[in-house]
Amino acid sequence: MNFGVNATKSAVVIAETKGGGDSFAIAAIRPVSFQVNSGDDLTELLQTLITIFDRKSKGGGSVIALLKCSSGRFGSCLEAIKGEAMVELAASQLGLCAVKIAPQRLKKTLCCAKEQKWQKRAEELFNPDGKRPNWSKGAVGAVAVAFHLAGERQKWGGKPARIY
């Protein structure tokens, strides 16, 4: 089981996936809502993430693909950055490999047309009829990075490289 994760302002969206290439499949998409009003909120998010990753990664070899938050003028909000940090901390505490994937890498992975945005292409590929449960902007990113990870793992013989 691999995980694609996208932290947004109000949720950490987790896509549980299997396989790669033509056999890539989405097992579940799970949004974990959170608020950042206090340290207790972050502690609660951390415990929830640990529970999810621990329960679903029992078979070994699980990797977390994390959509990297953007920085700069049009960067990610502070809540999303904190959500990303909690995912990394949960992975570290469980001994799981977590790799950050920059959004810029997804255009090539998803074979986007020249002017096409990767988000639109991911939706076409993974939710063409618009009926997938829990589909959201956060799910688009989570599934896209999981797909990217699956392709990279195939190149490396199933072992995750340190940087994708």
C-alpha atoms as a PDB file:
ATOM      1  CA  MET A   1       0.000   0.000   0.000  1.00  0.00           C
ATOM      2  CA  ASN A   2       1.301   3.411  -0.958  1.00  0.00           C
ATOM      3  CA  PHE A   3      -0.094   6.703   0.209  1.00  0.00           C
ATOM      4  CA  GLY A   4      -0.465   9.921  -1.732  1.00  0.00           C
ATOM      5  CA  VAL A   5      -0.937  12.869   0.601  1.00  0.00           C
ATOM      6  CA  ASN A   6      -1.944  16.479   0.010  1.00  0.00           C
ATOM      7  CA  ALA A   7      -2.197  18.940   2.899  1.00  0.00           C
ATOM      8  CA  THR A   8      -4.699  21.756   2.393  1.00  0.00           C
ATOM      9  CA  LYS A   9      -5.919  24.586   4.612  1.00  0.00           C
ATOM     10  CA  SER A  10      -8.492  22.428   6.387  1.00  0.00           C
ATOM     11  CA  ALA A  11      -7.636  18.789   5.654  1.00  0.00           C
ATOM     12  CA  VAL A  12      -4.916  16.284   4.987  1.00  0.00           C
ATOM     13  CA  VAL A  13      -6.188  14.186   2.101  1.00  0.00           C
ATOM     14  CA  ILE A  14      -4.819  10.645   1.927  1.00  0.00           C
ATOM     15  CA  ALA A  15      -5.133   8.476  -1.189  1.00  0.00           C
ATOM     16  CA  GLU A  16      -4.445   4.803  -0.498  1.00  0.00           C
ATOM     17  CA  THR A  17      -3.180   3.193  -3.702  1.00  0.00           C
ATOM     18  CA  LYS A  18      -1.832  -0.068  -5.069  1.00  0.00           C
ATOM     19  CA  GLY A  19       0.185  -1.059  -8.103  1.00  0.00           C
ATOM     20  CA  GLY A  20       1.788   1.090 -10.740  1.00  0.00           C
ATOM     21  CA  GLY A  21       1.583   1.891 -14.420  1.00  0.00           C
ATOM     22  CA  ASP A  22      -1.401   0.144 -15.996  1.00  0.00           C
ATOM     23  CA  SER A  23      -2.216  -1.626 -12.722  1.00  0.00           C
ATOM     24  CA  PHE A  24      -2.378   1.582 -10.636  1.00  0.00           C
ATOM     25  CA  ALA A  25      -5.538   1.536  -8.508  1.00  0.00           C
ATOM     26  CA  ILE A  26      -7.032   3.832  -5.899  1.00  0.00           C
ATOM     27  CA  ALA A  27      -8.176   1.790  -2.900  1.00  0.00           C
ATOM     28  CA  ALA A  28      -9.596   4.729  -0.927  1.00  0.00           C
ATOM     29  CA  ILE A  29      -9.494   8.478  -0.536  1.00  0.00           C
ATOM     30  CA  ARG A  30      -9.718   9.723   3.015  1.00  0.00           C
ATOM     31  CA  PRO A  31      -9.869  13.397   4.016  1.00  0.00           C
ATOM     32  CA  VAL A  32      -8.723  14.069   7.581  1.00  0.00           C
ATOM     33  CA  SER A  33     -10.154  17.421   8.626  1.00  0.00           C
ATOM     34  CA  PHE A  34      -8.225  19.555  11.074  1.00  0.00           C
ATOM     35  CA  GLN A  35      -7.926  23.032  12.534  1.00  0.00           C
ATOM     36  CA  VAL A  36      -4.858  24.794  13.832  1.00  0.00           C
ATOM     37  CA  ASN A  37      -6.192  26.735  16.782  1.00  0.00           C
ATOM     38  CA  SER A  38      -3.831  25.190  19.324  1.00  0.00           C
ATOM     39  CA  GLY A  39      -1.068  22.665  19.829  1.00  0.00           C
ATOM     40  CA  ASP A  40      -3.712  20.161  20.899  1.00  0.00           C
ATOM     41  CA  ASP A  41      -5.224  20.351  17.395  1.00  0.00           C
ATOM     42  CA  LEU A  42      -1.884  19.396  15.864  1.00  0.00           C
ATOM     43  CA  THR A  43      -1.377  16.612  18.389  1.00  0.00           C
ATOM     44  CA  GLU A  44      -4.801  15.214  17.492  1.00  0.00           C
ATOM     45  CA  LEU A  45      -3.969  15.372  13.769  1.00  0.00           C
ATOM     46  CA  LEU A  46      -0.644  13.633  14.381  1.00  0.00           C
ATOM     47  CA  GLN A  47      -2.297  10.799  16.321  1.00  0.00           C
ATOM     48  CA  THR A  48      -4.940  10.341  13.611  1.00  0.00           C
ATOM     49  CA  LEU A  49      -2.275  10.182  10.888  1.00  0.00           C
ATOM     50  CA  ILE A  50      -0.193   7.696  12.871  1.00  0.00           C
ATOM     51  CA  THR A  51      -3.247   5.480  13.317  1.00  0.00           C
ATOM     52  CA  ILE A  52      -4.114   5.540   9.609  1.00  0.00           C
ATOM     53  CA  PHE A  53      -0.573   4.961   8.333  1.00  0.00           C
ATOM     54  CA  ASP A  54       0.184   2.277  10.936  1.00  0.00           C
ATOM     55  CA  ARG A  55      -2.990   0.297  10.276  1.00  0.00           C
ATOM     56  CA  LYS A  56      -2.699   0.431   6.476  1.00  0.00           C
ATOM     57  CA  SER A  57       1.070  -0.131   6.163  1.00  0.00           C
ATOM     58  CA  LYS A  58       1.251  -3.461   7.987  1.00  0.00           C
ATOM     59  CA  GLY A  59       2.391  -5.366   4.876  1.00  0.00           C
ATOM     60  CA  GLY A  60       5.665  -3.453   4.781  1.00  0.00           C
ATOM     61  CA  GLY A  61       7.178  -1.502   1.936  1.00  0.00           C
ATOM     62  CA  SER A  62       4.670   1.326   2.180  1.00  0.00           C
ATOM     63  CA  VAL A  63       5.817   4.758   1.089  1.00  0.00           C
ATOM     64  CA  ILE A  64       4.165   8.140   1.571  1.00  0.00           C
ATOM     65  CA  ALA A  65       4.235  10.509  -1.406  1.00  0.00           C
ATOM     66  CA  LEU A  66       3.649  14.016  -0.128  1.00  0.00           C
ATOM     67  CA  LEU A  67       2.691  16.891  -2.423  1.00  0.00           C
ATOM     68  CA  LYS A  68       5.198  19.554  -1.476  1.00  0.00           C
ATOM     69  CA  CYS A  69       3.735  22.830  -0.258  1.00  0.00           C
ATOM     70  CA  SER A  70       4.680  25.827  -2.344  1.00  0.00           C
ATOM     71  CA  SER A  71       6.503  28.825  -0.998  1.00  0.00           C
ATOM     72  CA  GLY A  72       6.766  32.395  -2.154  1.00  0.00           C
ATOM     73  CA  ARG A  73       4.180  35.009  -2.997  1.00  0.00           C
ATOM     74  CA  PHE A  74       1.516  32.562  -4.160  1.00  0.00           C
ATOM     75  CA  GLY A  75       2.580  29.778  -1.804  1.00  0.00           C
ATOM     76  CA  SER A  76       0.647  27.483   0.447  1.00  0.00           C
ATOM     77  CA  CYS A  77      -1.136  28.729   3.523  1.00  0.00           C
ATOM     78  CA  LEU A  78       0.331  28.232   6.978  1.00  0.00           C
ATOM     79  CA  GLU A  79      -2.265  25.575   7.878  1.00  0.00           C
ATOM     80  CA  ALA A  80      -1.279  23.437   4.878  1.00  0.00           C
ATOM     81  CA  ILE A  81       2.395  23.739   5.787  1.00  0.00           C
ATOM     82  CA  LYS A  82       1.631  22.605   9.332  1.00  0.00           C
ATOM     83  CA  GLY A  83      -0.411  19.686   7.964  1.00  0.00           C
ATOM     84  CA  GLU A  84       2.540  18.702   5.780  1.00  0.00           C
ATOM     85  CA  ALA A  85       4.848  18.789   8.805  1.00  0.00           C
ATOM     86  CA  MET A  86       2.495  16.497  10.759  1.00  0.00           C
ATOM     87  CA  VAL A  87       2.534  13.974   7.889  1.00  0.00           C
ATOM     88  CA  GLU A  88       6.341  13.976   7.893  1.00  0.00           C
ATOM     89  CA  LEU A  89       6.421  13.576  11.676  1.00  0.00           C
ATOM     90  CA  ALA A  90       3.936  10.677  11.588  1.00  0.00           C
ATOM     91  CA  ALA A  91       6.000   8.933   8.894  1.00  0.00           C
ATOM     92  CA  SER A  92       9.176   9.450  10.900  1.00  0.00           C
ATOM     93  CA  GLN A  93       7.652   8.047  14.076  1.00  0.00           C
ATOM     94  CA  LEU A  94       6.479   4.939  12.203  1.00  0.00           C
ATOM     95  CA  GLY A  95       9.732   4.474  10.290  1.00  0.00           C
ATOM     96  CA  LEU A  96       8.013   4.952   6.929  1.00  0.00           C
ATOM     97  CA  CYS A  97       9.668   6.576   3.953  1.00  0.00           C
ATOM     98  CA  ALA A  98       8.052   9.905   3.064  1.00  0.00           C
ATOM     99  CA  VAL A  99       9.097  11.647  -0.134  1.00  0.00           C
ATOM    100  CA  LYS A 100       8.142  15.176  -1.098  1.00  0.00           C
ATOM    101  CA  ILE A 101       7.108  15.653  -4.691  1.00  0.00           C
ATOM    102  CA  ALA A 102       7.053  19.128  -6.195  1.00  0.00           C
ATOM    103  CA  PRO A 103       3.882  20.014  -8.127  1.00  0.00           C
ATOM    104  CA  GLN A 104       6.020  20.969 -11.140  1.00  0.00           C
ATOM    105  CA  ARG A 105       6.951  17.291 -11.612  1.00  0.00           C
ATOM    106  CA  LEU A 106       3.346  16.220 -12.146  1.00  0.00           C
ATOM    107  CA  LYS A 107       2.815  17.714 -15.622  1.00  0.00           C
ATOM    108  CA  LYS A 108       5.280  15.276 -17.156  1.00  0.00           C
ATOM    109  CA  THR A 109       4.121  12.335 -15.045  1.00  0.00           C
ATOM    110  CA  LEU A 110       0.495  12.825 -16.106  1.00  0.00           C
ATOM    111  CA  CYS A 111       1.398  13.468 -19.777  1.00  0.00           C
ATOM    112  CA  CYS A 112      -0.328  16.842 -19.865  1.00  0.00           C
ATOM    113  CA  ALA A 113      -0.931  18.709 -23.097  1.00  0.00           C
ATOM    114  CA  LYS A 114       1.224  21.824 -23.573  1.00  0.00           C
ATOM    115  CA  GLU A 115      -1.137  24.316 -21.894  1.00  0.00           C
ATOM    116  CA  GLN A 116      -3.023  21.811 -19.707  1.00  0.00           C
ATOM    117  CA  LYS A 117      -2.820  22.075 -15.928  1.00  0.00           C
ATOM    118  CA  TRP A 118      -1.851  18.898 -14.101  1.00  0.00           C
ATOM    119  CA  GLN A 119      -4.912  19.137 -11.830  1.00  0.00           C
ATOM    120  CA  LYS A 120      -7.283  18.948 -14.802  1.00  0.00           C
ATOM    121  CA  ARG A 121      -5.369  16.034 -16.329  1.00  0.00           C
ATOM    122  CA  ALA A 122      -5.395  14.106 -13.033  1.00  0.00           C
ATOM    123  CA  GLU A 123      -9.145  14.555 -12.819  1.00  0.00           C
ATOM    124  CA  GLU A 124      -9.553  13.261 -16.383  1.00  0.00           C
ATOM    125  CA  LEU A 125      -7.466  10.187 -15.605  1.00  0.00           C
ATOM    126  CA  PHE A 126      -8.695   9.255 -12.148  1.00  0.00           C
ATOM    127  CA  ASN A 127     -12.236  10.639 -11.878  1.00  0.00           C
ATOM    128  CA  PRO A 128     -13.507  10.968 -15.451  1.00  0.00           C
ATOM    129  CA  ASP A 129     -17.180  10.554 -14.594  1.00  0.00           C
ATOM    130  CA  GLY A 130     -17.005  12.740 -11.474  1.00  0.00           C
ATOM    131  CA  LYS A 131     -18.455  10.031  -9.237  1.00  0.00           C
ATOM    132  CA  ARG A 132     -15.485   8.957  -7.115  1.00  0.00           C
ATOM    133  CA  PRO A 133     -16.258   9.278  -3.383  1.00  0.00           C
ATOM    134  CA  ASN A 134     -14.379  11.996  -1.460  1.00  0.00           C
ATOM    135  CA  TRP A 135     -13.055  13.627  -4.648  1.00  0.00           C
ATOM    136  CA  SER A 136     -11.858  17.176  -4.054  1.00  0.00           C
ATOM    137  CA  LYS A 137      -9.010  19.517  -4.991  1.00  0.00           C
ATOM    138  CA  GLY A 138      -7.034  17.885  -2.202  1.00  0.00           C
ATOM    139  CA  ALA A 139      -7.766  14.429  -3.603  1.00  0.00           C
ATOM    140  CA  VAL A 140      -6.490  15.498  -7.035  1.00  0.00           C
ATOM    141  CA  GLY A 141      -3.065  16.258  -5.562  1.00  0.00           C
ATOM    142  CA  ALA A 142      -2.976  13.167  -3.347  1.00  0.00           C
ATOM    143  CA  VAL A 143      -3.794  10.795  -6.203  1.00  0.00           C
ATOM    144  CA  ALA A 144      -1.413  12.540  -8.614  1.00  0.00           C
ATOM    145  CA  VAL A 145       1.588  12.209  -6.283  1.00  0.00           C
ATOM    146  CA  ALA A 146       0.686   8.575  -5.531  1.00  0.00           C
ATOM    147  CA  PHE A 147       0.650   7.918  -9.287  1.00  0.00           C
ATOM    148  CA  HIS A 148       4.000   9.683  -9.670  1.00  0.00           C
ATOM    149  CA  LEU A 149       5.474   7.598  -6.855  1.00  0.00           C
ATOM    150  CA  ALA A 150       4.164   4.362  -8.375  1.00  0.00           C
ATOM    151  CA  GLY A 151       5.858   5.178 -11.678  1.00  0.00           C
ATOM    152  CA  GLU A 152       9.149   6.063  -9.997  1.00  0.00           C
ATOM    153  CA  ARG A 153       9.091   2.914  -7.874  1.00  0.00           C
ATOM    154  CA  GLN A 154       8.711   0.814 -11.025  1.00  0.00           C
ATOM    155  CA  LYS A 155      11.812   2.493 -12.472  1.00  0.00           C
ATOM    156  CA  TRP A 156      13.789   1.745  -9.321  1.00  0.00           C
ATOM    157  CA  GLY A 157      12.646  -1.873  -9.012  1.00  0.00           C
ATOM    158  CA  GLY A 158      10.145  -1.219  -6.223  1.00  0.00           C
ATOM    159  CA  LYS A 159      12.588   0.590  -3.956  1.00  0.00           C
ATOM    160  CA  PRO A 160      11.924   4.282  -3.390  1.00  0.00           C
ATOM    161  CA  ALA A 161      14.660   6.683  -4.380  1.00  0.00           C
ATOM    162  CA  ARG A 162      15.306   9.477  -1.894  1.00  0.00           C
ATOM    163  CA  ILE A 163      14.188  12.286  -4.216  1.00  0.00           C
ATOM    164  CA  TYR A 164      11.519  12.069  -6.874  1.00  0.00           C
END
